[in-house]
Amino acid sequence: TPVLLAGAAAVVGGAISMALGEYVSVSSQRDSERALID
């Protein structure tokens, strides 16, 4: 049980964290590209 709970928490938390990190990072890159285009 402890291994299952710890692993499940790591999977859920990690997936959400990675998604948020990528979204913020790529959004900044996209905004910079759009600013240069304008």
PDB file of all heavy atoms in Angstrom:
ATOM      1  N   THR A   1       0.799  -1.231   0.000  1.00  0.00           N
ATOM      2  CA  THR A   1       0.000   0.000   0.000  1.00  0.00           C
ATOM      3  C   THR A   1       0.831   1.280   0.000  1.00  0.00           C
ATOM      4  O   THR A   1       0.559   2.192  -0.804  1.00  0.00           O
ATOM      5  CB  THR A   1      -0.978   0.002   1.188  1.00  0.00           C
ATOM      6  OG1 THR A   1      -1.822  -1.145   1.095  1.00  0.00           O
ATOM      7  CG2 THR A   1      -1.837   1.261   1.174  1.00  0.00           C
ATOM      8  N   PRO A   2       1.843   1.424   0.854  1.00  0.00           N
ATOM      9  CA  PRO A   2       2.636   2.659   0.830  1.00  0.00           C
ATOM     10  C   PRO A   2       3.311   2.902  -0.517  1.00  0.00           C
ATOM     11  O   PRO A   2       3.381   4.040  -0.987  1.00  0.00           O
ATOM     12  CB  PRO A   2       3.674   2.444   1.931  1.00  0.00           C
ATOM     13  CG  PRO A   2       3.054   1.444   2.843  1.00  0.00           C
ATOM     14  CD  PRO A   2       2.262   0.542   1.957  1.00  0.00           C
ATOM     15  N   VAL A   3       3.811   1.819  -1.137  1.00  0.00           N
ATOM     16  CA  VAL A   3       4.461   1.970  -2.439  1.00  0.00           C
ATOM     17  C   VAL A   3       3.444   2.416  -3.486  1.00  0.00           C
ATOM     18  O   VAL A   3       3.715   3.299  -4.313  1.00  0.00           O
ATOM     19  CB  VAL A   3       5.132   0.650  -2.865  1.00  0.00           C
ATOM     20  CG1 VAL A   3       5.747   0.783  -4.259  1.00  0.00           C
ATOM     21  CG2 VAL A   3       6.202   0.244  -1.859  1.00  0.00           C
ATOM     22  N   LEU A   4       2.252   1.814  -3.463  1.00  0.00           N
ATOM     23  CA  LEU A   4       1.197   2.179  -4.411  1.00  0.00           C
ATOM     24  C   LEU A   4       0.791   3.641  -4.243  1.00  0.00           C
ATOM     25  O   LEU A   4       0.684   4.387  -5.221  1.00  0.00           O
ATOM     26  CB  LEU A   4      -0.013   1.271  -4.210  1.00  0.00           C
ATOM     27  CG  LEU A   4      -1.255   1.622  -5.046  1.00  0.00           C
ATOM     28  CD1 LEU A   4      -0.943   1.519  -6.535  1.00  0.00           C
ATOM     29  CD2 LEU A   4      -2.423   0.715  -4.656  1.00  0.00           C
ATOM     30  N   LEU A   5       0.565   4.065  -3.010  1.00  0.00           N
ATOM     31  CA  LEU A   5       0.119   5.428  -2.757  1.00  0.00           C
ATOM     32  C   LEU A   5       1.196   6.445  -3.153  1.00  0.00           C
ATOM     33  O   LEU A   5       0.899   7.475  -3.772  1.00  0.00           O
ATOM     34  CB  LEU A   5      -0.246   5.601  -1.285  1.00  0.00           C
ATOM     35  CG  LEU A   5      -1.489   4.836  -0.813  1.00  0.00           C
ATOM     36  CD1 LEU A   5      -1.691   5.028   0.690  1.00  0.00           C
ATOM     37  CD2 LEU A   5      -2.728   5.304  -1.576  1.00  0.00           C
ATOM     38  N   ALA A   6       2.435   6.155  -2.790  1.00  0.00           N
ATOM     39  CA  ALA A   6       3.519   7.074  -3.135  1.00  0.00           C
ATOM     40  C   ALA A   6       3.701   7.161  -4.648  1.00  0.00           C
ATOM     41  O   ALA A   6       3.886   8.249  -5.206  1.00  0.00           O
ATOM     42  CB  ALA A   6       4.818   6.613  -2.474  1.00  0.00           C
ATOM     43  N   GLY A   7       3.631   6.005  -5.319  1.00  0.00           N
ATOM     44  CA  GLY A   7       3.780   5.997  -6.769  1.00  0.00           C
ATOM     45  C   GLY A   7       2.650   6.729  -7.462  1.00  0.00           C
ATOM     46  O   GLY A   7       2.872   7.501  -8.410  1.00  0.00           O
ATOM     47  N   ALA A   8       1.413   6.500  -7.001  1.00  0.00           N
ATOM     48  CA  ALA A   8       0.263   7.173  -7.602  1.00  0.00           C
ATOM     49  C   ALA A   8       0.363   8.685  -7.432  1.00  0.00           C
ATOM     50  O   ALA A   8       0.081   9.459  -8.361  1.00  0.00           O
ATOM     51  CB  ALA A   8      -1.031   6.649  -6.977  1.00  0.00           C
ATOM     52  N   ALA A   9       0.770   9.120  -6.247  1.00  0.00           N
ATOM     53  CA  ALA A   9       0.934  10.560  -6.002  1.00  0.00           C
ATOM     54  C   ALA A   9       2.021  11.146  -6.903  1.00  0.00           C
ATOM     55  O   ALA A   9       1.876  12.258  -7.440  1.00  0.00           O
ATOM     56  CB  ALA A   9       1.279  10.805  -4.533  1.00  0.00           C
ATOM     57  N   ALA A  10       3.108  10.397  -7.075  1.00  0.00           N
ATOM     58  CA  ALA A  10       4.194  10.870  -7.935  1.00  0.00           C
ATOM     59  C   ALA A  10       3.742  10.991  -9.387  1.00  0.00           C
ATOM     60  O   ALA A  10       4.104  11.938 -10.086  1.00  0.00           O
ATOM     61  CB  ALA A  10       5.387   9.916  -7.828  1.00  0.00           C
ATOM     62  N   VAL A  11       2.937  10.025  -9.853  1.00  0.00           N
ATOM     63  CA  VAL A  11       2.465  10.048 -11.237  1.00  0.00           C
ATOM     64  C   VAL A  11       1.528  11.227 -11.470  1.00  0.00           C
ATOM     65  O   VAL A  11       1.696  12.007 -12.420  1.00  0.00           O
ATOM     66  CB  VAL A  11       1.752   8.723 -11.588  1.00  0.00           C
ATOM     67  CG1 VAL A  11       1.087   8.833 -12.957  1.00  0.00           C
ATOM     68  CG2 VAL A  11       2.744   7.572 -11.571  1.00  0.00           C
ATOM     69  N   VAL A  12       0.528  11.384 -10.612  1.00  0.00           N
ATOM     70  CA  VAL A  12      -0.452  12.458 -10.794  1.00  0.00           C
ATOM     71  C   VAL A  12       0.199  13.834 -10.645  1.00  0.00           C
ATOM     72  O   VAL A  12       0.049  14.714 -11.500  1.00  0.00           O
ATOM     73  CB  VAL A  12      -1.619  12.303  -9.789  1.00  0.00           C
ATOM     74  CG1 VAL A  12      -2.566  13.504  -9.888  1.00  0.00           C
ATOM     75  CG2 VAL A  12      -2.371  11.014 -10.052  1.00  0.00           C
ATOM     76  N   GLY A  13       0.930  14.019  -9.565  1.00  0.00           N
ATOM     77  CA  GLY A  13       1.573  15.304  -9.336  1.00  0.00           C
ATOM     78  C   GLY A  13       2.604  15.635 -10.405  1.00  0.00           C
ATOM     79  O   GLY A  13       2.688  16.777 -10.868  1.00  0.00           O
ATOM     80  N   GLY A  14       3.373  14.638 -10.799  1.00  0.00           N
ATOM     81  CA  GLY A  14       4.406  14.866 -11.800  1.00  0.00           C
ATOM     82  C   GLY A  14       3.831  15.205 -13.161  1.00  0.00           C
ATOM     83  O   GLY A  14       4.331  16.093 -13.857  1.00  0.00           O
ATOM     84  N   ALA A  15       2.777  14.503 -13.573  1.00  0.00           N
ATOM     85  CA  ALA A  15       2.167  14.761 -14.877  1.00  0.00           C
ATOM     86  C   ALA A  15       1.595  16.176 -14.940  1.00  0.00           C
ATOM     87  O   ALA A  15       1.773  16.898 -15.928  1.00  0.00           O
ATOM     88  CB  ALA A  15       1.070  13.737 -15.156  1.00  0.00           C
ATOM     89  N   ILE A  16       0.906  16.583 -13.874  1.00  0.00           N
ATOM     90  CA  ILE A  16       0.340  17.935 -13.837  1.00  0.00           C
ATOM     91  C   ILE A  16       1.454  18.982 -13.824  1.00  0.00           C
ATOM     92  O   ILE A  16       1.390  20.006 -14.531  1.00  0.00           O
ATOM     93  CB  ILE A  16      -0.570  18.107 -12.611  1.00  0.00           C
ATOM     94  CG1 ILE A  16      -1.796  17.194 -12.738  1.00  0.00           C
ATOM     95  CG2 ILE A  16      -1.006  19.560 -12.454  1.00  0.00           C
ATOM     96  CD1 ILE A  16      -2.686  17.181 -11.509  1.00  0.00           C
ATOM     97  N   SER A  17       2.490  18.733 -13.043  1.00  0.00           N
ATOM     98  CA  SER A  17       3.602  19.674 -12.964  1.00  0.00           C
ATOM     99  C   SER A  17       4.307  19.820 -14.309  1.00  0.00           C
ATOM    100  O   SER A  17       4.632  20.939 -14.736  1.00  0.00           O
ATOM    101  CB  SER A  17       4.599  19.198 -11.905  1.00  0.00           C
ATOM    102  OG  SER A  17       5.731  20.034 -11.864  1.00  0.00           O
ATOM    103  N   MET A  18       4.543  18.703 -14.997  1.00  0.00           N
ATOM    104  CA  MET A  18       5.190  18.761 -16.304  1.00  0.00           C
ATOM    105  C   MET A  18       4.340  19.516 -17.306  1.00  0.00           C
ATOM    106  O   MET A  18       4.846  20.329 -18.089  1.00  0.00           O
ATOM    107  CB  MET A  18       5.460  17.341 -16.805  1.00  0.00           C
ATOM    108  CG  MET A  18       6.593  16.621 -16.102  1.00  0.00           C
ATOM    109  SD  MET A  18       8.214  17.383 -16.402  1.00  0.00           S
ATOM    110  CE  MET A  18       8.352  17.157 -18.176  1.00  0.00           C
ATOM    111  N   ALA A  19       3.029  19.265 -17.286  1.00  0.00           N
ATOM    112  CA  ALA A  19       2.133  19.945 -18.215  1.00  0.00           C
ATOM    113  C   ALA A  19       2.135  21.452 -17.971  1.00  0.00           C
ATOM    114  O   ALA A  19       2.222  22.251 -18.919  1.00  0.00           O
ATOM    115  CB  ALA A  19       0.715  19.389 -18.083  1.00  0.00           C
ATOM    116  N   LEU A  20       2.056  21.849 -16.709  1.00  0.00           N
ATOM    117  CA  LEU A  20       2.059  23.277 -16.382  1.00  0.00           C
ATOM    118  C   LEU A  20       3.380  23.929 -16.772  1.00  0.00           C
ATOM    119  O   LEU A  20       3.408  25.047 -17.305  1.00  0.00           O
ATOM    120  CB  LEU A  20       1.797  23.468 -14.893  1.00  0.00           C
ATOM    121  CG  LEU A  20       0.375  23.184 -14.403  1.00  0.00           C
ATOM    122  CD1 LEU A  20       0.307  23.291 -12.882  1.00  0.00           C
ATOM    123  CD2 LEU A  20      -0.620  24.146 -15.041  1.00  0.00           C
ATOM    124  N   GLY A  21       4.472  23.229 -16.485  1.00  0.00           N
ATOM    125  CA  GLY A  21       5.786  23.774 -16.824  1.00  0.00           C
ATOM    126  C   GLY A  21       5.954  23.976 -18.315  1.00  0.00           C
ATOM    127  O   GLY A  21       6.451  25.015 -18.772  1.00  0.00           O
ATOM    128  N   GLU A  22       5.548  22.981 -19.098  1.00  0.00           N
ATOM    129  CA  GLU A  22       5.638  23.092 -20.556  1.00  0.00           C
ATOM    130  C   GLU A  22       4.733  24.201 -21.075  1.00  0.00           C
ATOM    131  O   GLU A  22       5.104  24.962 -21.968  1.00  0.00           O
ATOM    132  CB  GLU A  22       5.268  21.763 -21.218  1.00  0.00           C
ATOM    133  CG  GLU A  22       6.368  20.730 -21.193  1.00  0.00           C
ATOM    134  CD  GLU A  22       7.559  21.119 -22.038  1.00  0.00           C
ATOM    135  OE1 GLU A  22       7.389  21.880 -23.019  1.00  0.00           O
ATOM    136  OE2 GLU A  22       8.676  20.693 -21.722  1.00  0.00           O
ATOM    137  N   TYR A  23       3.528  24.299 -20.517  1.00  0.00           N
ATOM    138  CA  TYR A  23       2.588  25.315 -20.989  1.00  0.00           C
ATOM    139  C   TYR A  23       3.148  26.715 -20.755  1.00  0.00           C
ATOM    140  O   TYR A  23       3.112  27.568 -21.650  1.00  0.00           O
ATOM    141  CB  TYR A  23       1.243  25.171 -20.284  1.00  0.00           C
ATOM    142  CG  TYR A  23       0.231  26.194 -20.759  1.00  0.00           C
ATOM    143  CD1 TYR A  23      -0.491  25.974 -21.935  1.00  0.00           C
ATOM    144  CD2 TYR A  23       0.028  27.370 -20.057  1.00  0.00           C
ATOM    145  CE1 TYR A  23      -1.395  26.921 -22.396  1.00  0.00           C
ATOM    146  CE2 TYR A  23      -0.869  28.321 -20.507  1.00  0.00           C
ATOM    147  CZ  TYR A  23      -1.579  28.089 -21.671  1.00  0.00           C
ATOM    148  OH  TYR A  23      -2.460  29.039 -22.139  1.00  0.00           O
ATOM    149  N   VAL A  24       3.676  26.959 -19.562  1.00  0.00           N
ATOM    150  CA  VAL A  24       4.231  28.275 -19.246  1.00  0.00           C
ATOM    151  C   VAL A  24       5.441  28.580 -20.124  1.00  0.00           C
ATOM    152  O   VAL A  24       5.574  29.683 -20.680  1.00  0.00           O
ATOM    153  CB  VAL A  24       4.617  28.348 -17.752  1.00  0.00           C
ATOM    154  CG1 VAL A  24       5.393  29.627 -17.461  1.00  0.00           C
ATOM    155  CG2 VAL A  24       3.369  28.276 -16.881  1.00  0.00           C
ATOM    156  N   SER A  25       6.330  27.599 -20.257  1.00  0.00           N
ATOM    157  CA  SER A  25       7.549  27.802 -21.031  1.00  0.00           C
ATOM    158  C   SER A  25       7.246  28.079 -22.503  1.00  0.00           C
ATOM    159  O   SER A  25       7.759  29.037 -23.099  1.00  0.00           O
ATOM    160  CB  SER A  25       8.451  26.574 -20.900  1.00  0.00           C
ATOM    161  OG  SER A  25       9.575  26.685 -21.742  1.00  0.00           O
ATOM    162  N   VAL A  26       6.414  27.242 -23.100  1.00  0.00           N
ATOM    163  CA  VAL A  26       6.118  27.386 -24.524  1.00  0.00           C
ATOM    164  C   VAL A  26       5.241  28.612 -24.779  1.00  0.00           C
ATOM    165  O   VAL A  26       5.349  29.256 -25.826  1.00  0.00           O
ATOM    166  CB  VAL A  26       5.460  26.105 -25.077  1.00  0.00           C
ATOM    167  CG1 VAL A  26       5.087  26.273 -26.539  1.00  0.00           C
ATOM    168  CG2 VAL A  26       6.416  24.922 -24.920  1.00  0.00           C
ATOM    169  N   SER A  27       4.380  28.951 -23.818  1.00  0.00           N
ATOM    170  CA  SER A  27       3.579  30.172 -23.964  1.00  0.00           C
ATOM    171  C   SER A  27       4.487  31.394 -24.032  1.00  0.00           C
ATOM    172  O   SER A  27       4.251  32.316 -24.829  1.00  0.00           O
ATOM    173  CB  SER A  27       2.607  30.317 -22.794  1.00  0.00           C
ATOM    174  OG  SER A  27       1.592  29.346 -22.853  1.00  0.00           O
ATOM    175  N   SER A  28       5.520  31.411 -23.205  1.00  0.00           N
ATOM    176  CA  SER A  28       6.472  32.529 -23.229  1.00  0.00           C
ATOM    177  C   SER A  28       7.190  32.594 -24.568  1.00  0.00           C
ATOM    178  O   SER A  28       7.383  33.673 -25.135  1.00  0.00           O
ATOM    179  CB  SER A  28       7.492  32.379 -22.091  1.00  0.00           C
ATOM    180  OG  SER A  28       6.850  32.413 -20.827  1.00  0.00           O
ATOM    181  N   GLN A  29       7.579  31.426 -25.094  1.00  0.00           N
ATOM    182  CA  GLN A  29       8.234  31.389 -26.398  1.00  0.00           C
ATOM    183  C   GLN A  29       7.294  31.864 -27.493  1.00  0.00           C
ATOM    184  O   GLN A  29       7.676  32.655 -28.361  1.00  0.00           O
ATOM    185  CB  GLN A  29       8.695  29.962 -26.707  1.00  0.00           C
ATOM    186  CG  GLN A  29       9.366  29.827 -28.064  1.00  0.00           C
ATOM    187  CD  GLN A  29       9.732  28.389 -28.391  1.00  0.00           C
ATOM    188  OE1 GLN A  29       9.727  27.520 -27.519  1.00  0.00           O
ATOM    189  NE2 GLN A  29      10.031  28.128 -29.653  1.00  0.00           N
ATOM    190  N   ARG A  30       6.043  31.425 -27.440  1.00  0.00           N
ATOM    191  CA  ARG A  30       5.060  31.836 -28.447  1.00  0.00           C
ATOM    192  C   ARG A  30       4.813  33.340 -28.384  1.00  0.00           C
ATOM    193  O   ARG A  30       4.753  34.014 -29.418  1.00  0.00           O
ATOM    194  CB  ARG A  30       3.753  31.093 -28.211  1.00  0.00           C
ATOM    195  CG  ARG A  30       2.626  31.475 -29.185  1.00  0.00           C
ATOM    196  CD  ARG A  30       1.287  31.013 -28.680  1.00  0.00           C
ATOM    197  NE  ARG A  30       0.984  31.590 -27.366  1.00  0.00           N
ATOM    198  CZ  ARG A  30      -0.109  31.309 -26.667  1.00  0.00           C
ATOM    199  NH1 ARG A  30      -0.993  30.455 -27.148  1.00  0.00           N
ATOM    200  NH2 ARG A  30      -0.310  31.879 -25.490  1.00  0.00           N
ATOM    201  N   ASP A  31       4.682  33.888 -27.175  1.00  0.00           N
ATOM    202  CA  ASP A  31       4.453  35.326 -27.029  1.00  0.00           C
ATOM    203  C   ASP A  31       5.627  36.128 -27.584  1.00  0.00           C
ATOM    204  O   ASP A  31       5.436  37.183 -28.212  1.00  0.00           O
ATOM    205  CB  ASP A  31       4.232  35.680 -25.559  1.00  0.00           C
ATOM    206  CG  ASP A  31       2.935  35.098 -25.013  1.00  0.00           C
ATOM    207  OD1 ASP A  31       2.077  34.708 -25.836  1.00  0.00           O
ATOM    208  OD2 ASP A  31       2.798  35.016 -23.779  1.00  0.00           O
ATOM    209  N   SER A  32       6.835  35.629 -27.360  1.00  0.00           N
ATOM    210  CA  SER A  32       8.022  36.313 -27.884  1.00  0.00           C
ATOM    211  C   SER A  32       8.038  36.293 -29.403  1.00  0.00           C
ATOM    212  O   SER A  32       8.345  37.302 -30.053  1.00  0.00           O
ATOM    213  CB  SER A  32       9.296  35.653 -27.348  1.00  0.00           C
ATOM    214  OG  SER A  32       9.382  35.780 -25.941  1.00  0.00           O
ATOM    215  N   GLU A  33       7.694  35.144 -29.995  1.00  0.00           N
ATOM    216  CA  GLU A  33       7.662  35.029 -31.445  1.00  0.00           C
ATOM    217  C   GLU A  33       6.603  35.953 -32.038  1.00  0.00           C
ATOM    218  O   GLU A  33       6.839  36.614 -33.056  1.00  0.00           O
ATOM    219  CB  GLU A  33       7.403  33.579 -31.852  1.00  0.00           C
ATOM    220  CG  GLU A  33       8.564  32.651 -31.564  1.00  0.00           C
ATOM    221  CD  GLU A  33       8.259  31.214 -31.948  1.00  0.00           C
ATOM    222  OE1 GLU A  33       7.087  30.904 -32.268  1.00  0.00           O
ATOM    223  OE2 GLU A  33       9.199  30.390 -31.939  1.00  0.00           O
ATOM    224  N   ARG A  34       5.448  36.000 -31.419  1.00  0.00           N
ATOM    225  CA  ARG A  34       4.382  36.864 -31.917  1.00  0.00           C
ATOM    226  C   ARG A  34       4.759  38.334 -31.807  1.00  0.00           C
ATOM    227  O   ARG A  34       4.435  39.144 -32.680  1.00  0.00           O
ATOM    228  CB  ARG A  34       3.089  36.588 -31.154  1.00  0.00           C
ATOM    229  CG  ARG A  34       2.440  35.267 -31.542  1.00  0.00           C
ATOM    230  CD  ARG A  34       1.162  35.015 -30.752  1.00  0.00           C
ATOM    231  NE  ARG A  34       0.467  33.827 -31.225  1.00  0.00           N
ATOM    232  CZ  ARG A  34      -0.618  33.319 -30.659  1.00  0.00           C
ATOM    233  NH1 ARG A  34      -1.124  33.901 -29.571  1.00  0.00           N
ATOM    234  NH2 ARG A  34      -1.189  32.236 -31.140  1.00  0.00           N
ATOM    235  N   ALA A  35       5.450  38.697 -30.726  1.00  0.00           N
ATOM    236  CA  ALA A  35       5.898  40.083 -30.562  1.00  0.00           C
ATOM    237  C   ALA A  35       6.899  40.464 -31.649  1.00  0.00           C
ATOM    238  O   ALA A  35       6.852  41.578 -32.199  1.00  0.00           O
ATOM    239  CB  ALA A  35       6.523  40.270 -29.177  1.00  0.00           C
ATOM    240  N   LEU A  36       7.794  39.542 -31.983  1.00  0.00           N
ATOM    241  CA  LEU A  36       8.768  39.807 -33.039  1.00  0.00           C
ATOM    242  C   LEU A  36       8.082  39.941 -34.397  1.00  0.00           C
ATOM    243  O   LEU A  36       8.466  40.785 -35.218  1.00  0.00           O
ATOM    244  CB  LEU A  36       9.803  38.677 -33.083  1.00  0.00           C
ATOM    245  CG  LEU A  36      10.789  38.623 -31.913  1.00  0.00           C
ATOM    246  CD1 LEU A  36      11.605  37.343 -31.963  1.00  0.00           C
ATOM    247  CD2 LEU A  36      11.714  39.844 -31.932  1.00  0.00           C
ATOM    248  N   ILE A  37       7.066  39.115 -34.626  1.00  0.00           N
ATOM    249  CA  ILE A  37       6.328  39.193 -35.888  1.00  0.00           C
ATOM    250  C   ILE A  37       5.608  40.540 -36.008  1.00  0.00           C
ATOM    251  O   ILE A  37       5.654  41.204 -37.054  1.00  0.00           O
ATOM    252  CB  ILE A  37       5.324  38.028 -35.991  1.00  0.00           C
ATOM    253  CG1 ILE A  37       6.064  36.702 -36.146  1.00  0.00           C
ATOM    254  CG2 ILE A  37       4.362  38.241 -37.176  1.00  0.00           C
ATOM    255  CD1 ILE A  37       5.171  35.476 -36.029  1.00  0.00           C
ATOM    256  N   ASP A  38       4.971  40.964 -34.926  1.00  0.00           N
ATOM    257  CA  ASP A  38       4.272  42.259 -34.934  1.00  0.00           C
ATOM    258  C   ASP A  38       5.254  43.411 -35.135  1.00  0.00           C
ATOM    259  O   ASP A  38       4.961  44.380 -35.852  1.00  0.00           O
ATOM    260  CB  ASP A  38       3.512  42.450 -33.620  1.00  0.00           C
ATOM    261  CG  ASP A  38       2.329  41.497 -33.499  1.00  0.00           C
ATOM    262  OD1 ASP A  38       1.872  40.977 -34.533  1.00  0.00           O
ATOM    263  OD2 ASP A  38       1.874  41.269 -32.343  1.00  0.00           O
TER     264      ASP A  38
END
